[in-house]
Amino acid sequence: MSSEARRASEGIRIAVLASGSGTNLQAIIDACRSGFIPGRVSVVISDRKEAFALERARRAGIKAIFLDPKNYASRQEFDRAMADIIARHECDLVAMAGYMRLLSPEFIRDHYLRVMNIHPALCPSFPGMHAIRDALAYGVKVTGVTVHFADEGTDTGPVILQYPVFVRDGDTEDTLAERVHAVEHKLYPLAIKLFAEGKLRCEGRLVRILDPVWETIIERGELTW
């Protein structure tokens, strides 16, 4: 069966890269199980043996693989091993979900527009690992969530979806993070759904959504699925 025929019959196959607890992974798994995303998570790969994301995968009957960075001489070698796993599972999309390693330029080039990432801020604001803390320290009134295609930079790839989260007086990093993560768990599955249905078209840095219904949902703030 060709890859096109397989996707038409069973949906896309997703590889998820995760380094931590895997709450966004769980949101993706749940969205696949409910049929919201036409596809399934085929493999979860982590660079941390203790990452709870691996346990989430095992509980869902998904292949869970720990790749120890210490076993590879370079980031490029590590990513080549990861790419081999992704290829063996015939994955159509790679979803970074709290993955704390930078992908090598080689990996990005080989999978360009097939790697998504989620960032807890409105890119290009507050890139890096401490976006929620940085937003609070800067004193912004609005932050949010961005889903984007990965490129060779840090949180600099073409934006697929964004959604605002207002900062409240008295917010701490924890209280703001709770609201940001709640949005992440809705927005990431939506972006993957649009990808799976062929409703994303990238024109340079601009990602067009080829479904006005979803644009309307985002504009109205109806993250209710």
N, C-alpha and C. Protein backbone atom coordinates (compact mmCIF):
# COMPACT_ATOMS: atom_id res chain seq x y z
N MET A 1 0.85 -1.18 0.00
CA MET A 1 0.00 0.00 0.00
C MET A 1 0.89 1.24 0.00
N SER A 2 0.60 2.20 -0.88
CA SER A 2 1.38 3.43 -0.91
C SER A 2 1.11 4.26 0.34
N SER A 3 2.02 5.20 0.64
CA SER A 3 1.84 6.04 1.82
C SER A 3 0.58 6.89 1.68
N GLU A 4 0.27 7.35 0.45
CA GLU A 4 -0.93 8.15 0.23
C GLU A 4 -2.19 7.34 0.49
N ALA A 5 -2.18 6.09 0.01
CA ALA A 5 -3.35 5.23 0.23
C ALA A 5 -3.49 4.88 1.70
N ARG A 6 -2.36 4.64 2.37
CA ARG A 6 -2.41 4.33 3.79
C ARG A 6 -2.95 5.49 4.60
N ARG A 7 -2.51 6.72 4.27
CA ARG A 7 -3.02 7.89 4.99
C ARG A 7 -4.51 8.07 4.75
N ALA A 8 -4.96 7.79 3.52
CA ALA A 8 -6.38 7.94 3.22
C ALA A 8 -7.23 6.94 4.00
N SER A 9 -6.67 5.75 4.25
CA SER A 9 -7.47 4.71 4.90
C SER A 9 -7.38 4.76 6.43
N GLU A 10 -6.20 5.09 6.95
CA GLU A 10 -6.04 5.04 8.41
C GLU A 10 -5.61 6.35 9.04
N GLY A 11 -5.40 7.39 8.25
CA GLY A 11 -4.95 8.67 8.78
C GLY A 11 -3.44 8.73 8.89
N ILE A 12 -2.95 9.82 9.45
CA ILE A 12 -1.51 10.01 9.52
C ILE A 12 -0.93 9.24 10.71
N ARG A 13 0.37 9.00 10.61
CA ARG A 13 1.13 8.44 11.72
C ARG A 13 2.02 9.53 12.29
N ILE A 14 2.03 9.62 13.61
CA ILE A 14 2.71 10.72 14.29
C ILE A 14 3.81 10.16 15.19
N ALA A 15 4.98 10.76 15.10
CA ALA A 15 6.04 10.52 16.08
C ALA A 15 6.08 11.71 17.02
N VAL A 16 6.08 11.44 18.31
CA VAL A 16 6.12 12.52 19.30
C VAL A 16 7.47 12.46 20.02
N LEU A 17 8.13 13.62 20.10
CA LEU A 17 9.38 13.77 20.83
C LEU A 17 9.08 14.49 22.14
N ALA A 18 9.47 13.91 23.25
CA ALA A 18 9.13 14.49 24.56
C ALA A 18 10.26 14.24 25.54
N SER A 19 10.46 15.21 26.43
CA SER A 19 11.49 15.08 27.46
C SER A 19 10.93 15.09 28.87
N GLY A 20 9.64 15.39 29.02
CA GLY A 20 9.09 15.58 30.36
C GLY A 20 7.86 14.75 30.63
N SER A 21 6.88 15.39 31.26
CA SER A 21 5.70 14.65 31.74
C SER A 21 4.76 14.24 30.63
N GLY A 22 4.76 14.97 29.53
CA GLY A 22 3.98 14.54 28.37
C GLY A 22 2.51 14.91 28.40
N THR A 23 2.16 16.06 28.98
CA THR A 23 0.74 16.43 28.98
C THR A 23 0.25 16.76 27.57
N ASN A 24 1.09 17.40 26.75
CA ASN A 24 0.68 17.63 25.38
C ASN A 24 0.62 16.33 24.59
N LEU A 25 1.53 15.40 24.87
CA LEU A 25 1.42 14.07 24.28
C LEU A 25 0.08 13.45 24.60
N GLN A 26 -0.34 13.54 25.86
CA GLN A 26 -1.62 12.95 26.24
C GLN A 26 -2.77 13.60 25.50
N ALA A 27 -2.71 14.91 25.32
CA ALA A 27 -3.77 15.60 24.58
C ALA A 27 -3.83 15.10 23.14
N ILE A 28 -2.66 14.84 22.54
CA ILE A 28 -2.62 14.33 21.17
C ILE A 28 -3.16 12.91 21.11
N ILE A 29 -2.74 12.07 22.05
CA ILE A 29 -3.26 10.69 22.10
C ILE A 29 -4.77 10.70 22.22
N ASP A 30 -5.30 11.51 23.14
CA ASP A 30 -6.75 11.57 23.36
C ASP A 30 -7.48 12.06 22.12
N ALA A 31 -6.90 13.04 21.43
CA ALA A 31 -7.54 13.57 20.22
C ALA A 31 -7.54 12.55 19.10
N CYS A 32 -6.51 11.71 19.03
CA CYS A 32 -6.49 10.64 18.04
C CYS A 32 -7.54 9.58 18.39
N ARG A 33 -7.61 9.22 19.65
CA ARG A 33 -8.57 8.20 20.07
C ARG A 33 -10.02 8.63 19.83
N SER A 34 -10.29 9.91 20.02
CA SER A 34 -11.66 10.40 19.85
C SER A 34 -12.04 10.57 18.38
N GLY A 35 -11.04 10.52 17.50
CA GLY A 35 -11.30 10.76 16.08
C GLY A 35 -11.15 12.21 15.67
N PHE A 36 -10.85 13.08 16.64
CA PHE A 36 -10.66 14.49 16.29
C PHE A 36 -9.48 14.64 15.34
N ILE A 37 -8.39 13.96 15.63
CA ILE A 37 -7.26 13.88 14.71
C ILE A 37 -7.40 12.58 13.92
N PRO A 38 -7.46 12.66 12.60
CA PRO A 38 -7.52 11.44 11.79
C PRO A 38 -6.13 10.81 11.68
N GLY A 39 -5.78 10.00 12.66
CA GLY A 39 -4.48 9.38 12.67
C GLY A 39 -4.18 8.82 14.04
N ARG A 40 -2.92 8.45 14.25
CA ARG A 40 -2.52 7.87 15.53
C ARG A 40 -1.06 8.18 15.83
N VAL A 41 -0.75 8.16 17.11
CA VAL A 41 0.64 8.27 17.54
C VAL A 41 1.26 6.88 17.40
N SER A 42 2.32 6.79 16.58
CA SER A 42 2.95 5.49 16.32
C SER A 42 4.14 5.22 17.22
N VAL A 43 4.84 6.28 17.62
CA VAL A 43 6.03 6.10 18.45
C VAL A 43 6.28 7.36 19.26
N VAL A 44 6.75 7.18 20.47
CA VAL A 44 7.18 8.29 21.33
C VAL A 44 8.65 8.09 21.64
N ILE A 45 9.45 9.12 21.41
CA ILE A 45 10.89 9.06 21.62
C ILE A 45 11.27 10.11 22.66
N SER A 46 12.11 9.72 23.61
CA SER A 46 12.56 10.66 24.63
C SER A 46 14.07 10.54 24.82
N ASP A 47 14.67 11.67 25.15
CA ASP A 47 16.10 11.71 25.48
C ASP A 47 16.32 11.55 26.98
N ARG A 48 15.24 11.33 27.73
CA ARG A 48 15.35 11.17 29.19
C ARG A 48 14.63 9.89 29.61
N LYS A 49 15.38 9.00 30.21
CA LYS A 49 14.84 7.69 30.58
C LYS A 49 13.67 7.80 31.55
N GLU A 50 13.73 8.82 32.44
CA GLU A 50 12.70 8.96 33.47
C GLU A 50 11.50 9.78 33.02
N ALA A 51 11.48 10.23 31.79
CA ALA A 51 10.37 11.07 31.31
C ALA A 51 9.04 10.32 31.42
N PHE A 52 8.08 10.93 32.07
CA PHE A 52 6.77 10.27 32.24
C PHE A 52 6.04 10.13 30.91
N ALA A 53 6.45 10.90 29.91
CA ALA A 53 5.86 10.75 28.58
C ALA A 53 6.01 9.32 28.08
N LEU A 54 7.11 8.66 28.40
CA LEU A 54 7.31 7.27 27.97
C LEU A 54 6.29 6.35 28.63
N GLU A 55 6.00 6.61 29.89
CA GLU A 55 5.00 5.80 30.59
C GLU A 55 3.60 6.05 30.01
N ARG A 56 3.31 7.30 29.66
CA ARG A 56 2.02 7.59 29.02
C ARG A 56 1.89 6.78 27.72
N ALA A 57 2.97 6.72 26.97
CA ALA A 57 2.94 5.97 25.72
C ALA A 57 2.69 4.48 25.99
N ARG A 58 3.40 3.92 26.93
CA ARG A 58 3.24 2.50 27.24
C ARG A 58 1.81 2.20 27.67
N ARG A 59 1.24 3.06 28.49
CA ARG A 59 -0.13 2.83 28.96
C ARG A 59 -1.13 2.87 27.81
N ALA A 60 -0.78 3.62 26.76
CA ALA A 60 -1.67 3.73 25.60
C ALA A 60 -1.36 2.69 24.53
N GLY A 61 -0.41 1.80 24.82
CA GLY A 61 -0.06 0.78 23.85
C GLY A 61 0.76 1.30 22.68
N ILE A 62 1.50 2.39 22.92
CA ILE A 62 2.31 3.02 21.88
C ILE A 62 3.78 2.70 22.14
N LYS A 63 4.51 2.45 21.08
CA LYS A 63 5.95 2.16 21.21
C LYS A 63 6.64 3.34 21.88
N ALA A 64 7.37 3.06 22.96
CA ALA A 64 8.07 4.09 23.73
C ALA A 64 9.56 3.79 23.69
N ILE A 65 10.36 4.74 23.24
CA ILE A 65 11.78 4.52 23.04
C ILE A 65 12.59 5.61 23.74
N PHE A 66 13.52 5.18 24.58
CA PHE A 66 14.50 6.08 25.19
C PHE A 66 15.78 6.01 24.38
N LEU A 67 16.23 7.17 23.89
CA LEU A 67 17.52 7.27 23.22
C LEU A 67 18.46 8.03 24.15
N ASP A 68 19.53 7.40 24.56
CA ASP A 68 20.46 8.02 25.49
C ASP A 68 21.46 8.87 24.71
N PRO A 69 21.43 10.18 24.91
CA PRO A 69 22.38 11.04 24.20
C PRO A 69 23.84 10.67 24.45
N LYS A 70 24.13 10.05 25.60
CA LYS A 70 25.49 9.68 25.92
C LYS A 70 26.06 8.63 24.97
N ASN A 71 25.18 7.95 24.25
CA ASN A 71 25.62 6.90 23.35
C ASN A 71 26.00 7.43 21.96
N TYR A 72 25.89 8.74 21.78
CA TYR A 72 26.13 9.31 20.45
C TYR A 72 27.17 10.42 20.57
N ALA A 73 28.05 10.47 19.58
CA ALA A 73 29.17 11.40 19.63
C ALA A 73 28.76 12.84 19.34
N SER A 74 27.62 13.04 18.71
CA SER A 74 27.20 14.38 18.34
C SER A 74 25.69 14.46 18.25
N ARG A 75 25.20 15.68 18.21
CA ARG A 75 23.77 15.90 18.02
C ARG A 75 23.31 15.32 16.70
N GLN A 76 24.15 15.42 15.67
CA GLN A 76 23.80 14.91 14.35
C GLN A 76 23.62 13.38 14.39
N GLU A 77 24.52 12.68 15.08
CA GLU A 77 24.40 11.23 15.18
C GLU A 77 23.15 10.84 15.95
N PHE A 78 22.88 11.54 17.02
CA PHE A 78 21.67 11.27 17.80
C PHE A 78 20.44 11.45 16.92
N ASP A 79 20.38 12.55 16.20
CA ASP A 79 19.22 12.83 15.36
C ASP A 79 19.09 11.85 14.20
N ARG A 80 20.21 11.35 13.69
CA ARG A 80 20.13 10.34 12.63
C ARG A 80 19.52 9.05 13.17
N ALA A 81 19.88 8.69 14.40
CA ALA A 81 19.28 7.51 15.02
C ALA A 81 17.78 7.72 15.22
N MET A 82 17.42 8.91 15.64
CA MET A 82 16.01 9.24 15.83
C MET A 82 15.26 9.22 14.49
N ALA A 83 15.89 9.75 13.44
CA ALA A 83 15.27 9.76 12.12
C ALA A 83 15.05 8.34 11.61
N ASP A 84 15.98 7.42 11.91
CA ASP A 84 15.81 6.03 11.50
C ASP A 84 14.58 5.41 12.15
N ILE A 85 14.38 5.70 13.43
CA ILE A 85 13.19 5.19 14.13
C ILE A 85 11.92 5.75 13.51
N ILE A 86 11.92 7.03 13.25
CA ILE A 86 10.74 7.68 12.65
C ILE A 86 10.44 7.10 11.28
N ALA A 87 11.48 6.84 10.50
CA ALA A 87 11.28 6.26 9.17
C ALA A 87 10.75 4.84 9.27
N ARG A 88 11.26 4.05 10.21
CA ARG A 88 10.78 2.67 10.36
C ARG A 88 9.31 2.63 10.72
N HIS A 89 8.85 3.62 11.43
CA HIS A 89 7.43 3.67 11.80
C HIS A 89 6.58 4.41 10.76
N GLU A 90 7.21 4.81 9.68
CA GLU A 90 6.53 5.46 8.55
C GLU A 90 5.69 6.65 9.01
N CYS A 91 6.30 7.50 9.83
CA CYS A 91 5.55 8.63 10.38
C CYS A 91 5.49 9.78 9.38
N ASP A 92 4.34 10.40 9.32
CA ASP A 92 4.09 11.53 8.42
C ASP A 92 4.40 12.86 9.09
N LEU A 93 4.35 12.90 10.41
CA LEU A 93 4.53 14.14 11.16
C LEU A 93 5.32 13.86 12.41
N VAL A 94 6.20 14.78 12.76
CA VAL A 94 6.93 14.74 14.02
C VAL A 94 6.42 15.89 14.88
N ALA A 95 5.93 15.57 16.08
CA ALA A 95 5.40 16.59 16.99
C ALA A 95 6.30 16.69 18.21
N MET A 96 6.93 17.85 18.37
CA MET A 96 7.73 18.10 19.57
C MET A 96 6.80 18.53 20.69
N ALA A 97 6.88 17.82 21.81
CA ALA A 97 5.97 18.09 22.92
C ALA A 97 6.78 18.15 24.21
N GLY A 98 7.31 19.32 24.49
CA GLY A 98 8.18 19.45 25.65
C GLY A 98 9.51 18.76 25.44
N TYR A 99 9.99 18.77 24.20
CA TYR A 99 11.27 18.16 23.86
C TYR A 99 12.35 19.21 24.06
N MET A 100 13.35 18.89 24.89
CA MET A 100 14.28 19.90 25.36
C MET A 100 15.63 19.92 24.63
N ARG A 101 15.72 19.21 23.52
CA ARG A 101 16.93 19.24 22.72
C ARG A 101 16.68 20.01 21.42
N LEU A 102 17.70 20.74 20.98
CA LEU A 102 17.61 21.38 19.67
C LEU A 102 17.82 20.34 18.59
N LEU A 103 16.99 20.40 17.56
CA LEU A 103 17.14 19.48 16.43
C LEU A 103 18.26 19.97 15.53
N SER A 104 18.99 19.04 14.97
CA SER A 104 20.10 19.40 14.09
C SER A 104 19.58 19.97 12.78
N PRO A 105 20.34 20.84 12.13
CA PRO A 105 19.93 21.37 10.83
C PRO A 105 19.65 20.27 9.81
N GLU A 106 20.42 19.19 9.86
CA GLU A 106 20.20 18.07 8.95
C GLU A 106 18.81 17.47 9.14
N PHE A 107 18.43 17.26 10.40
CA PHE A 107 17.11 16.68 10.69
C PHE A 107 16.01 17.61 10.20
N ILE A 108 16.15 18.90 10.46
CA ILE A 108 15.15 19.87 10.02
C ILE A 108 15.03 19.87 8.50
N ARG A 109 16.16 19.89 7.82
CA ARG A 109 16.11 19.90 6.35
C ARG A 109 15.42 18.65 5.80
N ASP A 110 15.70 17.51 6.40
CA ASP A 110 15.13 16.25 5.90
C ASP A 110 13.64 16.12 6.22
N HIS A 111 13.17 16.86 7.20
CA HIS A 111 11.76 16.75 7.63
C HIS A 111 11.04 18.10 7.57
N TYR A 112 11.51 19.01 6.77
CA TYR A 112 10.97 20.37 6.80
C TYR A 112 9.47 20.38 6.48
N LEU A 113 8.74 21.17 7.25
CA LEU A 113 7.28 21.27 7.20
C LEU A 113 6.59 19.97 7.60
N ARG A 114 7.36 19.08 8.24
CA ARG A 114 6.78 17.87 8.82
C ARG A 114 7.17 17.74 10.29
N VAL A 115 7.69 18.85 10.86
CA VAL A 115 7.99 18.89 12.29
C VAL A 115 7.26 20.08 12.90
N MET A 116 6.43 19.80 13.89
CA MET A 116 5.72 20.86 14.61
C MET A 116 6.29 21.02 16.01
N ASN A 117 6.16 22.23 16.51
CA ASN A 117 6.54 22.51 17.90
C ASN A 117 5.48 23.41 18.51
N ILE A 118 5.39 23.37 19.83
CA ILE A 118 4.47 24.25 20.54
C ILE A 118 5.28 25.06 21.54
N HIS A 119 4.93 26.35 21.65
CA HIS A 119 5.69 27.25 22.50
C HIS A 119 4.72 28.07 23.36
N PRO A 120 4.99 28.19 24.67
CA PRO A 120 4.06 28.87 25.57
C PRO A 120 4.24 30.39 25.59
N ALA A 121 4.17 30.99 24.40
CA ALA A 121 4.21 32.44 24.25
C ALA A 121 3.76 32.74 22.82
N LEU A 122 3.55 34.03 22.55
CA LEU A 122 3.18 34.45 21.19
C LEU A 122 4.46 34.79 20.44
N CYS A 123 4.96 33.83 19.69
CA CYS A 123 6.20 34.05 18.93
C CYS A 123 6.03 35.25 17.99
N PRO A 124 7.07 36.06 17.82
CA PRO A 124 8.46 35.83 18.22
C PRO A 124 8.81 36.29 19.62
N SER A 125 7.85 36.63 20.44
CA SER A 125 8.16 37.06 21.81
C SER A 125 8.59 35.88 22.67
N PHE A 126 9.55 36.11 23.55
CA PHE A 126 9.94 35.20 24.62
C PHE A 126 10.28 33.78 24.14
N PRO A 127 11.25 33.67 23.24
CA PRO A 127 11.70 32.34 22.83
C PRO A 127 12.47 31.65 23.95
N GLY A 128 12.67 30.35 23.81
CA GLY A 128 13.49 29.63 24.76
C GLY A 128 12.69 28.91 25.83
N MET A 129 13.40 28.43 26.84
CA MET A 129 12.84 27.49 27.81
C MET A 129 11.98 28.13 28.89
N HIS A 130 12.10 29.45 29.11
CA HIS A 130 11.42 30.08 30.25
C HIS A 130 10.44 31.16 29.79
N ALA A 131 9.65 30.84 28.78
CA ALA A 131 8.79 31.84 28.16
C ALA A 131 7.76 32.41 29.13
N ILE A 132 7.17 31.58 29.95
CA ILE A 132 6.14 32.06 30.87
C ILE A 132 6.76 32.95 31.94
N ARG A 133 7.88 32.53 32.48
CA ARG A 133 8.60 33.34 33.46
C ARG A 133 9.04 34.68 32.84
N ASP A 134 9.53 34.61 31.61
CA ASP A 134 10.02 35.82 30.96
C ASP A 134 8.87 36.79 30.67
N ALA A 135 7.72 36.28 30.29
CA ALA A 135 6.57 37.13 30.01
C ALA A 135 6.13 37.87 31.28
N LEU A 136 6.09 37.15 32.40
CA LEU A 136 5.74 37.79 33.67
C LEU A 136 6.76 38.84 34.07
N ALA A 137 8.02 38.52 33.92
CA ALA A 137 9.08 39.46 34.31
C ALA A 137 9.04 40.72 33.45
N TYR A 138 8.65 40.58 32.19
CA TYR A 138 8.60 41.73 31.29
C TYR A 138 7.39 42.62 31.58
N GLY A 139 6.36 42.02 32.19
CA GLY A 139 5.17 42.79 32.53
C GLY A 139 4.14 42.88 31.42
N VAL A 140 4.13 41.93 30.49
CA VAL A 140 3.15 41.99 29.41
C VAL A 140 1.74 41.76 29.97
N LYS A 141 0.76 42.26 29.27
CA LYS A 141 -0.64 42.06 29.65
C LYS A 141 -1.25 40.87 28.95
N VAL A 142 -0.65 40.48 27.81
CA VAL A 142 -1.15 39.34 27.03
C VAL A 142 0.04 38.48 26.62
N THR A 143 -0.05 37.21 26.88
CA THR A 143 0.89 36.24 26.32
C THR A 143 0.05 35.20 25.58
N GLY A 144 0.50 33.97 25.49
CA GLY A 144 -0.32 33.01 24.77
C GLY A 144 0.43 31.77 24.37
N VAL A 145 -0.05 31.15 23.29
CA VAL A 145 0.49 29.88 22.80
C VAL A 145 0.68 29.97 21.30
N THR A 146 1.77 29.40 20.82
CA THR A 146 2.05 29.33 19.39
C THR A 146 2.35 27.89 19.00
N VAL A 147 1.71 27.42 17.93
CA VAL A 147 2.11 26.18 17.28
C VAL A 147 2.76 26.57 15.96
N HIS A 148 3.95 26.04 15.71
CA HIS A 148 4.66 26.43 14.50
C HIS A 148 5.41 25.25 13.92
N PHE A 149 5.74 25.36 12.63
CA PHE A 149 6.66 24.40 12.03
C PHE A 149 8.07 24.72 12.53
N ALA A 150 8.84 23.69 12.84
CA ALA A 150 10.19 23.90 13.32
C ALA A 150 11.13 24.25 12.18
N ASP A 151 12.03 25.17 12.44
CA ASP A 151 13.12 25.45 11.52
C ASP A 151 14.43 25.37 12.29
N GLU A 152 15.51 25.89 11.75
CA GLU A 152 16.82 25.73 12.38
C GLU A 152 17.05 26.69 13.55
N GLY A 153 16.12 27.62 13.78
CA GLY A 153 16.25 28.54 14.90
C GLY A 153 15.54 28.03 16.14
N THR A 154 15.49 28.88 17.16
CA THR A 154 14.81 28.55 18.41
C THR A 154 13.45 29.25 18.42
N ASP A 155 12.38 28.47 18.21
CA ASP A 155 11.01 29.00 18.20
C ASP A 155 10.84 30.09 17.14
N THR A 156 11.43 29.86 15.96
CA THR A 156 11.39 30.87 14.90
C THR A 156 10.70 30.40 13.63
N GLY A 157 10.16 29.19 13.61
CA GLY A 157 9.58 28.65 12.39
C GLY A 157 8.24 29.26 12.04
N PRO A 158 7.73 28.97 10.83
CA PRO A 158 6.45 29.52 10.38
C PRO A 158 5.31 29.19 11.33
N VAL A 159 4.55 30.22 11.69
CA VAL A 159 3.47 30.09 12.67
C VAL A 159 2.25 29.44 12.03
N ILE A 160 1.74 28.41 12.69
CA ILE A 160 0.52 27.73 12.23
C ILE A 160 -0.70 28.31 12.94
N LEU A 161 -0.70 28.29 14.25
CA LEU A 161 -1.81 28.81 15.05
C LEU A 161 -1.25 29.56 16.25
N GLN A 162 -1.97 30.60 16.66
CA GLN A 162 -1.66 31.30 17.91
C GLN A 162 -2.96 31.60 18.65
N TYR A 163 -2.82 31.68 19.97
CA TYR A 163 -4.00 31.97 20.78
C TYR A 163 -3.55 32.75 22.01
N PRO A 164 -4.29 33.84 22.36
CA PRO A 164 -3.85 34.69 23.47
C PRO A 164 -4.26 34.14 24.84
N VAL A 165 -3.47 34.46 25.83
CA VAL A 165 -3.80 34.22 27.23
C VAL A 165 -3.52 35.51 27.98
N PHE A 166 -4.52 36.06 28.63
CA PHE A 166 -4.35 37.33 29.33
C PHE A 166 -3.68 37.10 30.68
N VAL A 167 -2.79 38.03 31.02
CA VAL A 167 -2.09 37.98 32.30
C VAL A 167 -2.91 38.73 33.33
N ARG A 168 -3.17 38.09 34.45
CA ARG A 168 -3.99 38.69 35.50
C ARG A 168 -3.11 39.29 36.59
N ASP A 169 -3.65 40.33 37.24
CA ASP A 169 -2.96 40.88 38.40
C ASP A 169 -2.77 39.78 39.44
N GLY A 170 -1.58 39.68 39.96
CA GLY A 170 -1.31 38.66 40.98
C GLY A 170 -0.91 37.31 40.44
N ASP A 171 -0.84 37.19 39.10
CA ASP A 171 -0.42 35.92 38.53
C ASP A 171 0.98 35.55 39.00
N THR A 172 1.18 34.27 39.28
CA THR A 172 2.50 33.70 39.47
C THR A 172 2.85 32.88 38.23
N GLU A 173 4.06 32.42 38.18
CA GLU A 173 4.43 31.56 37.05
C GLU A 173 3.53 30.33 37.01
N ASP A 174 3.19 29.78 38.16
CA ASP A 174 2.36 28.59 38.19
C ASP A 174 0.93 28.86 37.74
N THR A 175 0.32 29.96 38.21
CA THR A 175 -1.07 30.22 37.84
C THR A 175 -1.18 30.57 36.36
N LEU A 176 -0.22 31.32 35.84
CA LEU A 176 -0.24 31.64 34.42
C LEU A 176 0.02 30.39 33.58
N ALA A 177 0.95 29.56 34.04
CA ALA A 177 1.27 28.33 33.31
C ALA A 177 0.05 27.42 33.21
N GLU A 178 -0.75 27.37 34.25
CA GLU A 178 -1.94 26.51 34.23
C GLU A 178 -2.88 26.91 33.09
N ARG A 179 -3.10 28.21 32.91
CA ARG A 179 -3.99 28.66 31.84
C ARG A 179 -3.34 28.50 30.46
N VAL A 180 -2.05 28.74 30.39
CA VAL A 180 -1.34 28.56 29.12
C VAL A 180 -1.39 27.09 28.69
N HIS A 181 -1.14 26.19 29.62
CA HIS A 181 -1.13 24.77 29.27
C HIS A 181 -2.52 24.28 28.86
N ALA A 182 -3.56 24.83 29.47
CA ALA A 182 -4.91 24.45 29.07
C ALA A 182 -5.17 24.80 27.61
N VAL A 183 -4.65 25.95 27.17
CA VAL A 183 -4.77 26.33 25.77
C VAL A 183 -3.93 25.41 24.89
N GLU A 184 -2.72 25.10 25.32
CA GLU A 184 -1.86 24.20 24.55
C GLU A 184 -2.57 22.89 24.24
N HIS A 185 -3.26 22.35 25.21
CA HIS A 185 -3.88 21.03 25.05
C HIS A 185 -5.04 21.05 24.07
N LYS A 186 -5.53 22.22 23.72
CA LYS A 186 -6.55 22.37 22.68
C LYS A 186 -5.92 22.75 21.34
N LEU A 187 -4.96 23.66 21.38
CA LEU A 187 -4.43 24.22 20.15
C LEU A 187 -3.55 23.23 19.38
N TYR A 188 -2.75 22.44 20.10
CA TYR A 188 -1.85 21.51 19.42
C TYR A 188 -2.64 20.45 18.65
N PRO A 189 -3.62 19.78 19.26
CA PRO A 189 -4.41 18.83 18.48
C PRO A 189 -5.10 19.47 17.27
N LEU A 190 -5.53 20.72 17.40
CA LEU A 190 -6.16 21.38 16.25
C LEU A 190 -5.16 21.56 15.12
N ALA A 191 -3.96 22.00 15.43
CA ALA A 191 -2.95 22.18 14.38
C ALA A 191 -2.64 20.86 13.70
N ILE A 192 -2.54 19.78 14.48
CA ILE A 192 -2.25 18.47 13.90
C ILE A 192 -3.42 17.99 13.04
N LYS A 193 -4.63 18.25 13.50
CA LYS A 193 -5.81 17.89 12.71
C LYS A 193 -5.78 18.59 11.35
N LEU A 194 -5.48 19.88 11.35
CA LEU A 194 -5.43 20.62 10.09
C LEU A 194 -4.35 20.07 9.17
N PHE A 195 -3.21 19.70 9.73
CA PHE A 195 -2.15 19.07 8.95
C PHE A 195 -2.62 17.75 8.36
N ALA A 196 -3.24 16.93 9.20
CA ALA A 196 -3.68 15.60 8.76
C ALA A 196 -4.71 15.69 7.65
N GLU A 197 -5.52 16.72 7.68
CA GLU A 197 -6.57 16.89 6.67
C GLU A 197 -6.09 17.66 5.44
N GLY A 198 -4.80 17.97 5.39
CA GLY A 198 -4.25 18.69 4.24
C GLY A 198 -4.73 20.12 4.14
N LYS A 199 -5.02 20.75 5.27
CA LYS A 199 -5.59 22.09 5.27
C LYS A 199 -4.59 23.18 5.66
N LEU A 200 -3.30 22.84 5.60
CA LEU A 200 -2.26 23.83 5.84
C LEU A 200 -1.41 23.98 4.58
N ARG A 201 -1.17 25.21 4.19
CA ARG A 201 -0.30 25.47 3.04
C ARG A 201 0.69 26.55 3.43
N CYS A 202 1.98 26.24 3.31
CA CYS A 202 3.03 27.16 3.70
C CYS A 202 3.55 27.90 2.48
N GLU A 203 3.50 29.24 2.56
CA GLU A 203 4.01 30.11 1.50
C GLU A 203 5.08 31.00 2.12
N GLY A 204 6.34 30.55 2.05
CA GLY A 204 7.39 31.26 2.77
C GLY A 204 7.16 31.15 4.25
N ARG A 205 7.04 32.28 4.93
CA ARG A 205 6.77 32.25 6.37
C ARG A 205 5.28 32.20 6.68
N LEU A 206 4.43 32.39 5.69
CA LEU A 206 2.99 32.43 5.93
C LEU A 206 2.38 31.04 5.79
N VAL A 207 1.70 30.58 6.84
CA VAL A 207 0.97 29.33 6.80
C VAL A 207 -0.51 29.65 6.63
N ARG A 208 -1.06 29.27 5.51
CA ARG A 208 -2.49 29.50 5.24
C ARG A 208 -3.30 28.30 5.72
N ILE A 209 -4.43 28.61 6.37
CA ILE A 209 -5.38 27.58 6.80
C ILE A 209 -6.47 27.50 5.74
N LEU A 210 -6.58 26.34 5.10
CA LEU A 210 -7.48 26.19 3.97
C LEU A 210 -8.85 25.70 4.42
N ASP A 211 -9.31 26.26 5.51
CA ASP A 211 -10.63 25.91 6.04
C ASP A 211 -11.14 27.10 6.85
N PRO A 212 -12.02 27.90 6.30
CA PRO A 212 -12.49 29.10 7.02
C PRO A 212 -13.22 28.80 8.32
N VAL A 213 -13.74 27.59 8.45
CA VAL A 213 -14.43 27.24 9.68
C VAL A 213 -13.47 27.30 10.86
N TRP A 214 -12.27 26.77 10.68
CA TRP A 214 -11.31 26.77 11.78
C TRP A 214 -10.78 28.16 12.06
N GLU A 215 -10.62 28.97 11.02
CA GLU A 215 -10.22 30.36 11.25
C GLU A 215 -11.26 31.09 12.09
N THR A 216 -12.53 30.83 11.82
CA THR A 216 -13.60 31.47 12.58
C THR A 216 -13.57 31.04 14.04
N ILE A 217 -13.31 29.75 14.27
CA ILE A 217 -13.23 29.25 15.64
C ILE A 217 -12.13 29.95 16.41
N ILE A 218 -10.96 30.10 15.79
CA ILE A 218 -9.85 30.76 16.46
C ILE A 218 -10.20 32.23 16.73
N GLU A 219 -10.78 32.89 15.75
CA GLU A 219 -11.11 34.30 15.90
C GLU A 219 -12.13 34.52 17.01
N ARG A 220 -13.06 33.62 17.15
CA ARG A 220 -14.11 33.76 18.17
C ARG A 220 -13.65 33.27 19.55
N GLY A 221 -12.52 32.61 19.58
CA GLY A 221 -12.03 32.10 20.86
C GLY A 221 -12.81 30.90 21.37
N GLU A 222 -13.26 30.06 20.46
CA GLU A 222 -14.10 28.92 20.84
C GLU A 222 -13.28 27.63 20.89
N LEU A 223 -12.41 27.55 21.87
CA LEU A 223 -11.64 26.32 22.05
C LEU A 223 -12.45 25.34 22.86
N THR A 224 -13.52 24.80 22.28
CA THR A 224 -14.50 24.04 23.06
C THR A 224 -14.59 22.58 22.65
N TRP A 225 -13.75 22.11 21.74
CA TRP A 225 -13.86 20.70 21.34
C TRP A 225 -13.21 19.80 22.38
